[in-house]
Amino acid sequence: MYATKEWQEYDHDYEKQIQDIKTKDGKEYVNCWPNAGKWIVLSHKTGLSIPDEDVTHVKLTDDLNID
């Protein structure tokens, strides 16, 4: 899948780029990095990760803001 700046349905074939994600429960996470079957939420200070199977939509991050 080629990531764009518009939300698109996630087909579980990811690009190694920082992206925003939406999950099955409707939550959105910004600045996420896909790696080894999970998405690392870079903007979360405690190293939150989201399992790949929980991701429904992706888009390129508009505003890279990592503290």
C-alpha atoms as a PDB file:
ATOM      1  CA  MET A   1       0.000   0.000   0.000  1.00  0.00           C
ATOM      2  CA  TYR A   2       1.187   3.512  -0.763  1.00  0.00           C
ATOM      3  CA  ALA A   3       0.359   5.828   2.148  1.00  0.00           C
ATOM      4  CA  THR A   4      -1.269   9.201   1.441  1.00  0.00           C
ATOM      5  CA  LYS A   5      -2.332  12.197   3.560  1.00  0.00           C
ATOM      6  CA  GLU A   6      -5.972  11.048   3.338  1.00  0.00           C
ATOM      7  CA  TRP A   7      -7.410   8.285   5.513  1.00  0.00           C
ATOM      8  CA  GLN A   8      -7.488   4.993   3.663  1.00  0.00           C
ATOM      9  CA  GLU A   9      -8.538   1.527   4.678  1.00  0.00           C
ATOM     10  CA  TYR A  10      -5.545  -0.402   5.967  1.00  0.00           C
ATOM     11  CA  ASP A  11      -4.768  -3.594   4.043  1.00  0.00           C
ATOM     12  CA  HIS A  12      -1.994  -4.653   6.473  1.00  0.00           C
ATOM     13  CA  ASP A  13       0.707  -4.037   3.865  1.00  0.00           C
ATOM     14  CA  TYR A  14       2.427  -1.030   5.430  1.00  0.00           C
ATOM     15  CA  GLU A  15       5.036   1.473   4.349  1.00  0.00           C
ATOM     16  CA  LYS A  16       7.933   2.066   6.756  1.00  0.00           C
ATOM     17  CA  GLN A  17       6.920   5.680   7.319  1.00  0.00           C
ATOM     18  CA  ILE A  18       5.546   7.585  10.284  1.00  0.00           C
ATOM     19  CA  GLN A  19       1.762   7.484   9.946  1.00  0.00           C
ATOM     20  CA  ASP A  20      -1.440   8.221  11.840  1.00  0.00           C
ATOM     21  CA  ILE A  21      -3.696   5.252  12.544  1.00  0.00           C
ATOM     22  CA  LYS A  22      -7.322   4.530  13.445  1.00  0.00           C
ATOM     23  CA  THR A  23      -8.222   1.421  15.401  1.00  0.00           C
ATOM     24  CA  LYS A  24     -11.246  -0.909  15.572  1.00  0.00           C
ATOM     25  CA  ASP A  25     -12.518   0.924  18.671  1.00  0.00           C
ATOM     26  CA  GLY A  26     -12.543   4.262  16.804  1.00  0.00           C
ATOM     27  CA  LYS A  27      -9.482   5.804  18.465  1.00  0.00           C
ATOM     28  CA  GLU A  28      -6.926   7.796  16.469  1.00  0.00           C
ATOM     29  CA  TYR A  29      -3.204   7.856  17.186  1.00  0.00           C
ATOM     30  CA  VAL A  30      -0.702  10.237  15.590  1.00  0.00           C
ATOM     31  CA  ASN A  31       2.971   9.713  14.772  1.00  0.00           C
ATOM     32  CA  CYS A  32       3.060   5.912  14.699  1.00  0.00           C
ATOM     33  CA  TRP A  33       5.814   3.681  13.342  1.00  0.00           C
ATOM     34  CA  PRO A  34       4.975   0.192  12.016  1.00  0.00           C
ATOM     35  CA  ASN A  35       7.327  -2.536  13.179  1.00  0.00           C
ATOM     36  CA  ALA A  36       7.137  -6.309  13.648  1.00  0.00           C
ATOM     37  CA  GLY A  37       3.354  -6.681  13.773  1.00  0.00           C
ATOM     38  CA  LYS A  38       2.618  -3.623  15.886  1.00  0.00           C
ATOM     39  CA  TRP A  39       2.500   0.159  15.654  1.00  0.00           C
ATOM     40  CA  ILE A  40       4.685   2.116  18.063  1.00  0.00           C
ATOM     41  CA  VAL A  41       2.991   5.390  19.056  1.00  0.00           C
ATOM     42  CA  LEU A  42       5.972   7.764  19.005  1.00  0.00           C
ATOM     43  CA  SER A  43       3.982  10.655  20.469  1.00  0.00           C
ATOM     44  CA  HIS A  44       3.181   8.607  23.602  1.00  0.00           C
ATOM     45  CA  LYS A  45       5.808   9.031  26.305  1.00  0.00           C
ATOM     46  CA  THR A  46       5.511   5.504  27.752  1.00  0.00           C
ATOM     47  CA  GLY A  47       6.028   3.588  24.510  1.00  0.00           C
ATOM     48  CA  LEU A  48       2.455   2.588  23.729  1.00  0.00           C
ATOM     49  CA  SER A  49       2.109   0.025  20.943  1.00  0.00           C
ATOM     50  CA  ILE A  50      -0.988  -1.026  18.995  1.00  0.00           C
ATOM     51  CA  PRO A  51      -1.274  -4.548  17.512  1.00  0.00           C
ATOM     52  CA  ASP A  52      -1.369  -4.495  13.714  1.00  0.00           C
ATOM     53  CA  GLU A  53      -4.641  -6.448  13.656  1.00  0.00           C
ATOM     54  CA  ASP A  54      -6.385  -3.616  15.562  1.00  0.00           C
ATOM     55  CA  VAL A  55      -5.567  -0.989  12.891  1.00  0.00           C
ATOM     56  CA  THR A  56      -8.342  -0.211  10.381  1.00  0.00           C
ATOM     57  CA  HIS A  57      -7.158   2.994   8.638  1.00  0.00           C
ATOM     58  CA  VAL A  58      -3.869   4.815   8.012  1.00  0.00           C
ATOM     59  CA  LYS A  59      -2.615   8.104   6.602  1.00  0.00           C
ATOM     60  CA  LEU A  60       0.686   9.936   6.450  1.00  0.00           C
ATOM     61  CA  THR A  61       1.285  12.127   9.469  1.00  0.00           C
ATOM     62  CA  ASP A  62       0.456  15.775   8.730  1.00  0.00           C
ATOM     63  CA  ASP A  63       2.339  17.279  11.640  1.00  0.00           C
ATOM     64  CA  LEU A  64       5.343  15.409  12.963  1.00  0.00           C
ATOM     65  CA  ASN A  65       5.354  16.272  16.651  1.00  0.00           C
ATOM     66  CA  ILE A  66       7.399  13.937  18.820  1.00  0.00           C
ATOM     67  CA  ASP A  67       8.328  15.019  22.334  1.00  0.00           C
END
